[in-house]
Amino acid sequence: MKELTIHAGETIRVTANIATDYVDRPVEGTGLRTSFENAPLNAFDLTALPNAYTYDTFIVVSGLIDSSKPLGGDTYTWVKVHVVGSAPAPWLHSEALAGTAGTVETEFVRLLNEARSKGGTCTDSSTGQTKSFPPAPVVTLNQIASSGLRVKAKDAVTRSWYTHSSPEGLGYNDYIQQAGTTGFINEALLTEAPDTTLTPTQEATFDLALFMHSYIHCGIMYGSAKTAGGQVAVGWYSGLDTHLGYTMAVMPVSFTDSNAIQGQPVLELK
């Protein structure tokens, strides 16, 4: 894995030993941009905009060795980027990124797997439409991806935003990728004013029930990761929203059917 440092207002050209056909494009609201324009086939330019924040992130790069396969035949590598800007990134809460999943998160996955093992039916309360799902394989908790979603959950409460995208335009996969993995394909998002007297198991039970009572979210819980070896990422944070003046909790949940992107060791960045 290549690791580099870039300062606000600076552009760095990153070259590889083979042609690159894909570079994950960071959200420009974070102050980082990638470009193939005027670069050779085996290179791309990485620019930190003048208004860039200070934070660490990852970029996924794919090399072209087999044009018959998607994204060059999975020839991926990672670039870890240390961005040095004028101020710490408001969305990157390092204490939320560090550590392992808490009890609410692990209990949620345990209860989720119990529900998936039985299968179930999702009902649209507005139309009466139903959809039944057969038993689904067990999913394992991805700690890296979960830490990324935990950053999102804390930031939502800290800065009082409760949508799928942050004020900078960061979505669930941006937070997951900043933690150091990728490949997750969806997001179920729960926001609530929690009952702070609940135990972690009670909180996880309540949260899963809320997801299951939403037709779309219920389908995500039962219908994602249909093959053995699937993974789930769960971030949960509860704290005081100083803008609203009371406690809020956020839980994003995301699934993948495969391991995080791991390419053949043929793409070497210089």
Protein backbone atom coordinates (compact mmCIF):
# COMPACT_ATOMS: atom_id res chain seq x y z
CA MET A 1 0.00 0.00 0.00
CA LYS A 2 1.30 3.41 -1.01
CA GLU A 3 1.28 6.11 1.66
CA LEU A 4 1.76 9.81 0.97
CA THR A 5 1.29 13.28 2.43
CA ILE A 6 -0.25 16.20 0.54
CA HIS A 7 -0.70 19.80 1.66
CA ALA A 8 -3.57 22.17 0.87
CA GLY A 9 -3.05 23.76 -2.54
CA GLU A 10 -0.65 21.03 -3.67
CA THR A 11 -0.91 18.57 -6.57
CA ILE A 12 0.97 15.25 -6.60
CA ARG A 13 1.26 12.93 -9.58
CA VAL A 14 1.01 9.26 -8.64
CA THR A 15 2.35 6.76 -11.18
CA ALA A 16 2.00 2.99 -11.42
CA ASN A 17 3.87 0.18 -13.17
CA ILE A 18 0.84 -0.56 -15.40
CA ALA A 19 -2.03 1.46 -16.88
CA THR A 20 -4.66 2.51 -14.35
CA ASP A 21 -8.30 2.34 -15.36
CA TYR A 22 -10.02 3.38 -12.15
CA VAL A 23 -9.33 5.70 -9.23
CA ASP A 24 -11.94 6.17 -6.55
CA ARG A 25 -12.87 9.83 -6.55
CA PRO A 26 -13.06 11.44 -3.10
CA VAL A 27 -15.90 13.84 -2.36
CA GLU A 28 -14.66 17.31 -3.30
CA GLY A 29 -16.32 18.75 -0.22
CA THR A 30 -13.49 17.12 1.74
CA GLY A 31 -10.92 19.16 -0.19
CA LEU A 32 -9.38 16.27 -2.13
CA ARG A 33 -9.68 15.61 -5.87
CA THR A 34 -8.29 13.05 -8.33
CA SER A 35 -7.89 13.55 -12.08
CA PHE A 36 -6.65 11.65 -15.13
CA GLU A 37 -6.62 14.80 -17.28
CA ASN A 38 -3.21 15.48 -18.88
CA ALA A 39 -1.74 12.49 -17.03
CA PRO A 40 -0.21 9.43 -18.73
CA LEU A 41 -2.19 6.18 -18.80
CA ASN A 42 -0.29 4.85 -15.80
CA ALA A 43 -0.75 7.93 -13.63
CA PHE A 44 -3.26 10.24 -12.02
CA ASP A 45 -3.05 13.59 -10.30
CA LEU A 46 -4.06 14.02 -6.68
CA THR A 47 -4.92 17.57 -5.63
CA ALA A 48 -5.61 19.00 -2.19
CA LEU A 49 -7.76 22.06 -2.70
CA PRO A 50 -6.87 25.32 -0.90
CA ASN A 51 -9.76 24.77 1.50
CA ALA A 52 -8.76 21.18 2.35
CA TYR A 53 -9.06 19.98 5.94
CA THR A 54 -6.48 17.98 7.87
CA TYR A 55 -7.40 14.30 7.91
CA ASP A 56 -6.34 10.82 6.77
CA THR A 57 -8.18 8.90 4.08
CA PHE A 58 -7.76 6.05 1.59
CA ILE A 59 -8.10 5.96 -2.20
CA VAL A 60 -8.69 2.77 -4.18
CA VAL A 61 -6.80 2.40 -7.49
CA SER A 62 -7.34 -0.28 -10.14
CA GLY A 63 -4.85 -1.39 -12.79
CA LEU A 64 -5.73 -2.54 -16.30
CA ILE A 65 -4.41 -6.05 -16.99
CA ASP A 66 -7.53 -7.78 -18.32
CA SER A 67 -10.01 -5.55 -20.15
CA SER A 68 -12.57 -8.40 -20.30
CA LYS A 69 -13.10 -8.21 -16.54
CA PRO A 70 -14.75 -5.40 -14.58
CA LEU A 71 -12.36 -2.72 -13.37
CA GLY A 72 -9.31 -4.33 -14.89
CA GLY A 73 -9.73 -7.74 -13.33
CA ASP A 74 -9.70 -6.70 -9.66
CA THR A 75 -6.11 -5.47 -9.73
CA TYR A 76 -6.63 -3.12 -6.83
CA THR A 77 -4.30 -1.34 -4.50
CA TRP A 78 -4.74 1.25 -1.79
CA VAL A 79 -3.28 4.71 -1.33
CA LYS A 80 -3.33 6.07 2.20
CA VAL A 81 -3.36 9.85 2.04
CA HIS A 82 -2.43 12.23 4.84
CA VAL A 83 -4.06 15.54 3.95
CA VAL A 84 -2.58 18.57 5.71
CA GLY A 85 -4.92 21.55 5.62
CA SER A 86 -5.85 24.57 7.67
CA ALA A 87 -8.08 22.89 10.26
CA PRO A 88 -9.00 19.39 11.50
CA ALA A 89 -11.76 17.78 9.46
CA PRO A 90 -15.03 18.34 11.36
CA TRP A 91 -16.37 14.90 10.42
CA LEU A 92 -13.37 12.80 11.50
CA HIS A 93 -13.78 11.81 15.15
CA SER A 94 -10.69 9.73 15.85
CA GLU A 95 -12.03 8.28 19.09
CA ALA A 96 -15.06 6.94 17.19
CA LEU A 97 -12.78 5.46 14.54
CA ALA A 98 -10.60 3.62 17.04
CA GLY A 99 -11.49 0.49 18.96
CA THR A 100 -13.92 -2.34 18.45
CA ALA A 101 -17.69 -2.47 18.19
CA GLY A 102 -19.66 -1.74 21.34
CA THR A 103 -22.30 -3.94 22.94
CA VAL A 104 -25.25 -2.32 21.13
CA GLU A 105 -23.56 -3.05 17.80
CA THR A 106 -22.60 -6.64 18.60
CA GLU A 107 -26.02 -7.39 20.09
CA PHE A 108 -27.66 -5.93 17.01
CA VAL A 109 -25.71 -8.34 14.78
CA ARG A 110 -26.57 -11.30 17.02
CA LEU A 111 -30.27 -10.46 16.90
CA LEU A 112 -30.07 -9.73 13.18
CA ASN A 113 -28.64 -13.19 12.51
CA GLU A 114 -31.37 -14.78 14.61
CA ALA A 115 -33.99 -13.04 12.47
CA ARG A 116 -32.21 -13.86 9.20
CA SER A 117 -31.96 -17.54 10.16
CA LYS A 118 -35.76 -17.75 10.23
CA GLY A 119 -36.57 -15.52 7.26
CA GLY A 120 -39.51 -13.16 7.38
CA THR A 121 -42.02 -10.95 5.62
CA CYS A 122 -41.76 -7.22 5.07
CA THR A 123 -44.94 -5.14 4.80
CA ASP A 124 -45.43 -1.71 3.27
CA SER A 125 -47.80 0.02 5.70
CA SER A 126 -48.97 2.55 3.12
CA THR A 127 -49.87 0.10 0.32
CA GLY A 128 -50.22 -3.22 2.11
CA GLN A 129 -47.64 -4.74 -0.24
CA THR A 130 -45.70 -7.64 1.26
CA LYS A 131 -42.53 -9.47 0.34
CA SER A 132 -41.34 -12.69 1.96
CA PHE A 133 -37.70 -13.66 2.39
CA PRO A 134 -36.33 -17.17 2.98
CA PRO A 135 -33.72 -17.82 5.67
CA ALA A 136 -30.48 -15.99 4.91
CA PRO A 137 -26.86 -16.87 5.76
CA VAL A 138 -25.14 -15.58 8.87
CA VAL A 139 -23.31 -12.28 8.42
CA THR A 140 -20.16 -11.39 10.33
CA LEU A 141 -19.39 -7.96 11.73
CA ASN A 142 -16.68 -6.08 9.85
CA GLN A 143 -14.89 -4.08 12.53
CA ILE A 144 -13.08 -1.71 10.15
CA ALA A 145 -16.20 -0.76 8.22
CA SER A 146 -18.15 -0.47 11.47
CA SER A 147 -15.66 2.03 12.85
CA GLY A 148 -16.21 4.16 9.75
CA LEU A 149 -19.97 4.11 10.26
CA ARG A 150 -19.44 4.94 13.94
CA VAL A 151 -17.64 8.10 12.84
CA LYS A 152 -20.67 8.96 10.69
CA ALA A 153 -23.07 8.31 13.59
CA LYS A 154 -21.12 10.49 16.01
CA ASP A 155 -20.67 13.27 13.48
CA ALA A 156 -24.41 13.29 12.75
CA VAL A 157 -25.17 13.85 16.44
CA THR A 158 -22.27 16.26 17.01
CA ARG A 159 -23.19 18.51 14.08
CA SER A 160 -26.96 17.81 14.09
CA TRP A 161 -27.51 16.33 10.64
CA TYR A 162 -29.64 13.21 10.18
CA THR A 163 -29.52 12.31 6.51
CA HIS A 164 -27.67 9.77 4.37
CA SER A 165 -25.05 12.36 3.33
CA SER A 166 -23.04 14.78 5.47
CA PRO A 167 -22.90 18.55 4.85
CA GLU A 168 -19.75 17.89 2.77
CA GLY A 169 -21.52 15.22 0.70
CA LEU A 170 -19.92 12.22 2.43
CA GLY A 171 -22.02 9.07 2.13
CA TYR A 172 -21.80 5.79 4.03
CA ASN A 173 -19.13 4.36 1.73
CA ASP A 174 -16.94 7.45 2.12
CA TYR A 175 -16.86 6.92 5.88
CA ILE A 176 -16.22 3.20 5.43
CA GLN A 177 -13.42 3.86 2.98
CA GLN A 178 -11.79 6.46 5.22
CA ALA A 179 -11.58 3.71 7.84
CA GLY A 180 -9.68 1.51 5.35
CA THR A 181 -12.04 -0.85 3.56
CA THR A 182 -14.71 -0.77 0.84
CA GLY A 183 -17.14 -2.96 -1.09
CA PHE A 184 -20.29 -2.26 0.96
CA ILE A 185 -23.32 -1.67 -1.23
CA ASN A 186 -26.22 -0.21 0.78
CA GLU A 187 -27.22 1.66 3.91
CA ALA A 188 -30.13 1.41 6.30
CA LEU A 189 -30.13 4.46 8.55
CA LEU A 190 -31.86 4.86 11.90
CA THR A 191 -32.09 8.14 13.83
CA GLU A 192 -34.00 8.46 17.07
CA ALA A 193 -34.30 10.16 20.42
CA PRO A 194 -33.41 7.08 22.47
CA ASP A 195 -34.67 5.83 25.79
CA THR A 196 -31.45 6.17 27.80
CA THR A 197 -32.69 3.71 30.44
CA LEU A 198 -32.51 0.74 28.05
CA THR A 199 -29.76 -1.86 28.36
CA PRO A 200 -27.58 -2.45 25.27
CA THR A 201 -29.56 -5.60 24.42
CA GLN A 202 -32.86 -3.77 24.80
CA GLU A 203 -31.56 -0.91 22.64
CA ALA A 204 -30.39 -3.33 19.92
CA THR A 205 -33.74 -5.15 20.05
CA PHE A 206 -35.63 -1.87 19.71
CA ASP A 207 -33.43 -0.68 16.83
CA LEU A 208 -33.83 -3.92 14.88
CA ALA A 209 -37.60 -3.75 15.38
CA LEU A 210 -37.66 -0.22 13.98
CA PHE A 211 -35.77 -1.35 10.89
CA MET A 212 -38.10 -4.33 10.43
CA HIS A 213 -41.18 -2.07 10.58
CA SER A 214 -39.89 -0.09 7.59
CA TYR A 215 -40.58 -1.89 4.29
CA ILE A 216 -37.38 -0.76 2.58
CA HIS A 217 -35.14 -1.26 5.62
CA CYS A 218 -36.71 -4.65 6.37
CA GLY A 219 -35.83 -5.75 2.84
CA ILE A 220 -32.24 -4.66 3.39
CA MET A 221 -32.00 -6.68 6.61
CA TYR A 222 -33.38 -9.90 5.09
CA GLY A 223 -32.35 -9.52 1.46
CA SER A 224 -28.69 -8.41 1.70
CA ALA A 225 -25.64 -10.69 1.76
CA LYS A 226 -27.46 -13.68 0.31
CA THR A 227 -24.34 -15.80 -0.12
CA ALA A 228 -22.28 -17.38 2.64
CA GLY A 229 -19.46 -15.22 3.91
CA GLY A 230 -21.36 -11.94 3.79
CA GLN A 231 -20.47 -9.11 6.14
CA VAL A 232 -22.29 -6.31 7.88
CA ALA A 233 -21.08 -2.97 9.22
CA VAL A 234 -22.92 -1.39 12.14
CA GLY A 235 -22.13 1.96 13.70
CA TRP A 236 -24.02 3.30 16.72
CA TYR A 237 -23.63 6.48 18.68
CA SER A 238 -25.80 8.17 21.28
CA GLY A 239 -25.08 11.62 22.68
CA LEU A 240 -26.30 15.13 23.33
CA ASP A 241 -27.28 17.12 20.28
CA THR A 242 -26.48 20.63 21.52
CA HIS A 243 -28.49 22.19 18.67
CA LEU A 244 -31.67 20.30 19.58
CA GLY A 245 -30.97 20.28 23.30
CA TYR A 246 -31.60 16.57 23.90
CA THR A 247 -30.03 13.15 23.32
CA MET A 248 -30.06 11.65 19.85
CA ALA A 249 -28.84 8.29 18.56
CA VAL A 250 -27.83 7.24 15.05
CA MET A 251 -27.26 3.73 13.66
CA PRO A 252 -26.14 3.21 10.04
CA VAL A 253 -26.07 -0.43 8.82
CA SER A 254 -24.45 -1.63 5.60
CA PHE A 255 -23.92 -5.03 3.96
CA THR A 256 -21.56 -6.68 1.49
CA ASP A 257 -21.53 -10.13 -0.11
CA SER A 258 -17.75 -10.29 -0.37
CA ASN A 259 -14.54 -9.41 1.38
CA ALA A 260 -13.14 -5.91 1.08
CA ILE A 261 -11.36 -5.23 -2.20
CA GLN A 262 -8.09 -7.14 -2.27
CA GLY A 263 -6.33 -7.10 -5.62
CA GLN A 264 -3.55 -9.11 -7.13
CA PRO A 265 -0.15 -7.66 -6.17
CA VAL A 266 0.60 -6.39 -9.68
CA LEU A 267 -0.18 -2.69 -9.35
CA GLU A 268 2.80 -0.95 -7.80
CA LEU A 269 2.51 2.79 -7.16
CA LYS A 270 5.67 4.84 -7.30
